[in-house]
């Protein structure tokens, strides 16, 4: 299992400084933002424009994700242990059971395949 890591990018640094507004202003309008494997423990991400962010294998223990629209994100392998998710909109590939297992027990998210 991969371990969460502090990423060495200016956008990631803005998130860790709790500068969500700065992140939203500096982020590219198109393309994917690579945040794979990032450590987002305890961060307040409520106003984040999450469209196009790749959160594969990211770690969100106790993060505040309330009200986020995560439909345009990749969350495969991410952990939501004890995160606040009220009002968050998740990708349709994730079942409610999968999300609750991750929040309650810290399991990694697995996308439903048909």
C-alpha atoms as a PDB file:
ATOM      1  CA  UNK A   1       0.000   0.000   0.000  1.00  0.00           C
ATOM      2  CA  UNK A   2       1.334   3.434  -0.893  1.00  0.00           C
ATOM      3  CA  UNK A   3       1.994   5.919   1.885  1.00  0.00           C
ATOM      4  CA  UNK A   4       0.655   9.497   1.723  1.00  0.00           C
ATOM      5  CA  UNK A   5       3.281  12.078   0.870  1.00  0.00           C
ATOM      6  CA  UNK A   6       3.807  15.803   0.875  1.00  0.00           C
ATOM      7  CA  UNK A   7       3.889  16.815  -2.775  1.00  0.00           C
ATOM      8  CA  UNK A   8       6.428  19.313  -4.060  1.00  0.00           C
ATOM      9  CA  UNK A   9       4.175  21.548  -6.161  1.00  0.00           C
ATOM     10  CA  UNK A  10       3.079  25.177  -5.733  1.00  0.00           C
ATOM     11  CA  UNK A  11      -0.629  24.241  -5.886  1.00  0.00           C
ATOM     12  CA  UNK A  12      -0.225  21.607  -3.173  1.00  0.00           C
ATOM     13  CA  UNK A  13       1.633  24.131  -1.012  1.00  0.00           C
ATOM     14  CA  UNK A  14      -1.326  26.524  -1.299  1.00  0.00           C
ATOM     15  CA  UNK A  15      -3.689  23.830  -0.032  1.00  0.00           C
ATOM     16  CA  UNK A  16      -1.428  23.097   2.936  1.00  0.00           C
ATOM     17  CA  UNK A  17      -1.380  26.797   3.812  1.00  0.00           C
ATOM     18  CA  UNK A  18      -5.205  26.700   3.861  1.00  0.00           C
ATOM     19  CA  UNK A  19      -5.212  29.090   0.889  1.00  0.00           C
ATOM     20  CA  UNK A  20      -8.115  27.549  -1.015  1.00  0.00           C
ATOM     21  CA  UNK A  21      -8.939  30.839  -2.719  1.00  0.00           C
ATOM     22  CA  UNK A  22      -5.340  31.124  -3.953  1.00  0.00           C
ATOM     23  CA  UNK A  23      -5.444  27.537  -5.232  1.00  0.00           C
ATOM     24  CA  UNK A  24      -8.674  28.193  -7.134  1.00  0.00           C
ATOM     25  CA  UNK A  25      -7.152  31.306  -8.747  1.00  0.00           C
ATOM     26  CA  UNK A  26      -3.839  29.660  -9.695  1.00  0.00           C
ATOM     27  CA  UNK A  27      -5.124  26.307 -10.937  1.00  0.00           C
ATOM     28  CA  UNK A  28      -5.182  25.709 -14.705  1.00  0.00           C
ATOM     29  CA  UNK A  29      -8.614  25.959 -16.301  1.00  0.00           C
ATOM     30  CA  UNK A  30      -8.155  22.819 -18.408  1.00  0.00           C
ATOM     31  CA  UNK A  31      -6.270  19.567 -17.998  1.00  0.00           C
ATOM     32  CA  UNK A  32      -5.629  17.313 -15.034  1.00  0.00           C
ATOM     33  CA  UNK A  33      -4.019  18.477 -11.799  1.00  0.00           C
ATOM     34  CA  UNK A  34      -1.805  15.731 -10.381  1.00  0.00           C
ATOM     35  CA  UNK A  35      -2.322  15.313  -6.629  1.00  0.00           C
ATOM     36  CA  UNK A  36      -1.829  11.516  -6.652  1.00  0.00           C
ATOM     37  CA  UNK A  37      -0.799  10.065  -3.318  1.00  0.00           C
ATOM     38  CA  UNK A  38      -1.025  13.432  -1.585  1.00  0.00           C
ATOM     39  CA  UNK A  39      -1.449  13.866   2.157  1.00  0.00           C
ATOM     40  CA  UNK A  40      -4.517  16.031   2.851  1.00  0.00           C
ATOM     41  CA  UNK A  41      -4.977  15.046   6.514  1.00  0.00           C
ATOM     42  CA  UNK A  42      -7.064  17.484   8.516  1.00  0.00           C
ATOM     43  CA  UNK A  43      -7.310  20.117   5.779  1.00  0.00           C
ATOM     44  CA  UNK A  44     -10.415  22.260   5.288  1.00  0.00           C
ATOM     45  CA  UNK A  45     -11.090  21.873   1.555  1.00  0.00           C
ATOM     46  CA  UNK A  46     -14.720  23.052   1.541  1.00  0.00           C
ATOM     47  CA  UNK A  47     -14.445  25.763  -1.132  1.00  0.00           C
ATOM     48  CA  UNK A  48     -12.029  23.866  -3.382  1.00  0.00           C
ATOM     49  CA  UNK A  49     -12.716  23.777  -7.124  1.00  0.00           C
ATOM     50  CA  UNK A  50     -11.929  20.067  -7.440  1.00  0.00           C
ATOM     51  CA  UNK A  51     -12.765  19.644 -11.131  1.00  0.00           C
ATOM     52  CA  UNK A  52     -10.051  17.719 -12.950  1.00  0.00           C
ATOM     53  CA  UNK A  53      -7.925  16.897  -9.898  1.00  0.00           C
ATOM     54  CA  UNK A  54      -6.402  13.418  -9.769  1.00  0.00           C
ATOM     55  CA  UNK A  55      -6.667  12.345  -6.109  1.00  0.00           C
ATOM     56  CA  UNK A  56      -5.708   8.711  -6.813  1.00  0.00           C
ATOM     57  CA  UNK A  57      -4.294   7.126  -3.610  1.00  0.00           C
ATOM     58  CA  UNK A  58      -4.708  10.411  -1.682  1.00  0.00           C
ATOM     59  CA  UNK A  59      -5.139  10.461   2.090  1.00  0.00           C
ATOM     60  CA  UNK A  60      -8.011  12.573   3.515  1.00  0.00           C
ATOM     61  CA  UNK A  61      -8.062  11.474   7.188  1.00  0.00           C
ATOM     62  CA  UNK A  62     -10.205  13.975   9.150  1.00  0.00           C
ATOM     63  CA  UNK A  63     -10.311  16.388   6.197  1.00  0.00           C
ATOM     64  CA  UNK A  64     -13.334  18.640   5.708  1.00  0.00           C
ATOM     65  CA  UNK A  65     -14.857  17.815   2.319  1.00  0.00           C
ATOM     66  CA  UNK A  66     -18.353  19.128   3.041  1.00  0.00           C
ATOM     67  CA  UNK A  67     -20.179  20.365  -0.027  1.00  0.00           C
ATOM     68  CA  UNK A  68     -17.403  19.504  -2.515  1.00  0.00           C
ATOM     69  CA  UNK A  69     -18.292  18.406  -6.024  1.00  0.00           C
ATOM     70  CA  UNK A  70     -15.894  15.507  -6.565  1.00  0.00           C
ATOM     71  CA  UNK A  71     -17.617  14.117  -9.666  1.00  0.00           C
ATOM     72  CA  UNK A  72     -14.811  15.350 -11.930  1.00  0.00           C
ATOM     73  CA  UNK A  73     -12.044  13.813  -9.798  1.00  0.00           C
ATOM     74  CA  UNK A  74     -10.296  10.490  -9.750  1.00  0.00           C
ATOM     75  CA  UNK A  75     -10.542   9.070  -6.213  1.00  0.00           C
ATOM     76  CA  UNK A  76      -9.473   5.474  -6.906  1.00  0.00           C
ATOM     77  CA  UNK A  77      -7.499   4.223  -3.911  1.00  0.00           C
ATOM     78  CA  UNK A  78      -8.096   7.335  -1.792  1.00  0.00           C
ATOM     79  CA  UNK A  79      -8.840   7.002   1.933  1.00  0.00           C
ATOM     80  CA  UNK A  80     -11.533   9.118   3.616  1.00  0.00           C
ATOM     81  CA  UNK A  81     -11.041   7.933   7.220  1.00  0.00           C
ATOM     82  CA  UNK A  82     -13.117  10.137   9.551  1.00  0.00           C
ATOM     83  CA  UNK A  83     -13.490  12.842   6.880  1.00  0.00           C
ATOM     84  CA  UNK A  84     -16.502  15.149   6.980  1.00  0.00           C
ATOM     85  CA  UNK A  85     -18.446  14.473   3.776  1.00  0.00           C
ATOM     86  CA  UNK A  86     -21.888  15.981   4.344  1.00  0.00           C
ATOM     87  CA  UNK A  87     -23.211  17.355   1.062  1.00  0.00           C
ATOM     88  CA  UNK A  88     -20.234  16.111  -0.968  1.00  0.00           C
ATOM     89  CA  UNK A  89     -21.001  14.884  -4.477  1.00  0.00           C
ATOM     90  CA  UNK A  90     -18.985  11.752  -5.350  1.00  0.00           C
ATOM     91  CA  UNK A  91     -18.277  10.149  -8.742  1.00  0.00           C
ATOM     92  CA  UNK A  92     -21.059   7.764  -9.817  1.00  0.00           C
ATOM     93  CA  UNK A  93     -18.533   4.895  -9.962  1.00  0.00           C
ATOM     94  CA  UNK A  94     -18.373   4.944  -6.135  1.00  0.00           C
ATOM     95  CA  UNK A  95     -21.180   3.258  -4.236  1.00  0.00           C
ATOM     96  CA  UNK A  96     -22.523   4.672  -0.978  1.00  0.00           C
ATOM     97  CA  UNK A  97     -21.303   1.533   0.824  1.00  0.00           C
ATOM     98  CA  UNK A  98     -17.797   2.016  -0.548  1.00  0.00           C
ATOM     99  CA  UNK A  99     -17.742   5.636   0.638  1.00  0.00           C
ATOM    100  CA  UNK A 100     -19.055   4.750   4.106  1.00  0.00           C
ATOM    101  CA  UNK A 101     -16.514   1.933   4.492  1.00  0.00           C
ATOM    102  CA  UNK A 102     -13.758   4.402   3.717  1.00  0.00           C
ATOM    103  CA  UNK A 103     -15.075   7.069   6.112  1.00  0.00           C
ATOM    104  CA  UNK A 104     -15.727   4.620   8.965  1.00  0.00           C
ATOM    105  CA  UNK A 105     -12.805   2.221   8.591  1.00  0.00           C
ATOM    106  CA  UNK A 106     -10.267   3.981   6.382  1.00  0.00           C
ATOM    107  CA  UNK A 107     -10.480   1.496   3.518  1.00  0.00           C
ATOM    108  CA  UNK A 108      -9.248   2.605   0.119  1.00  0.00           C
ATOM    109  CA  UNK A 109     -11.973   3.564  -2.372  1.00  0.00           C
ATOM    110  CA  UNK A 110     -12.584   1.056  -5.153  1.00  0.00           C
ATOM    111  CA  UNK A 111     -14.463   2.051  -8.278  1.00  0.00           C
ATOM    112  CA  UNK A 112     -17.394  -0.106  -9.322  1.00  0.00           C
ATOM    113  CA  UNK A 113     -16.759  -1.780 -12.666  1.00  0.00           C
ATOM    114  CA  UNK A 114     -19.449  -3.401 -14.763  1.00  0.00           C
END
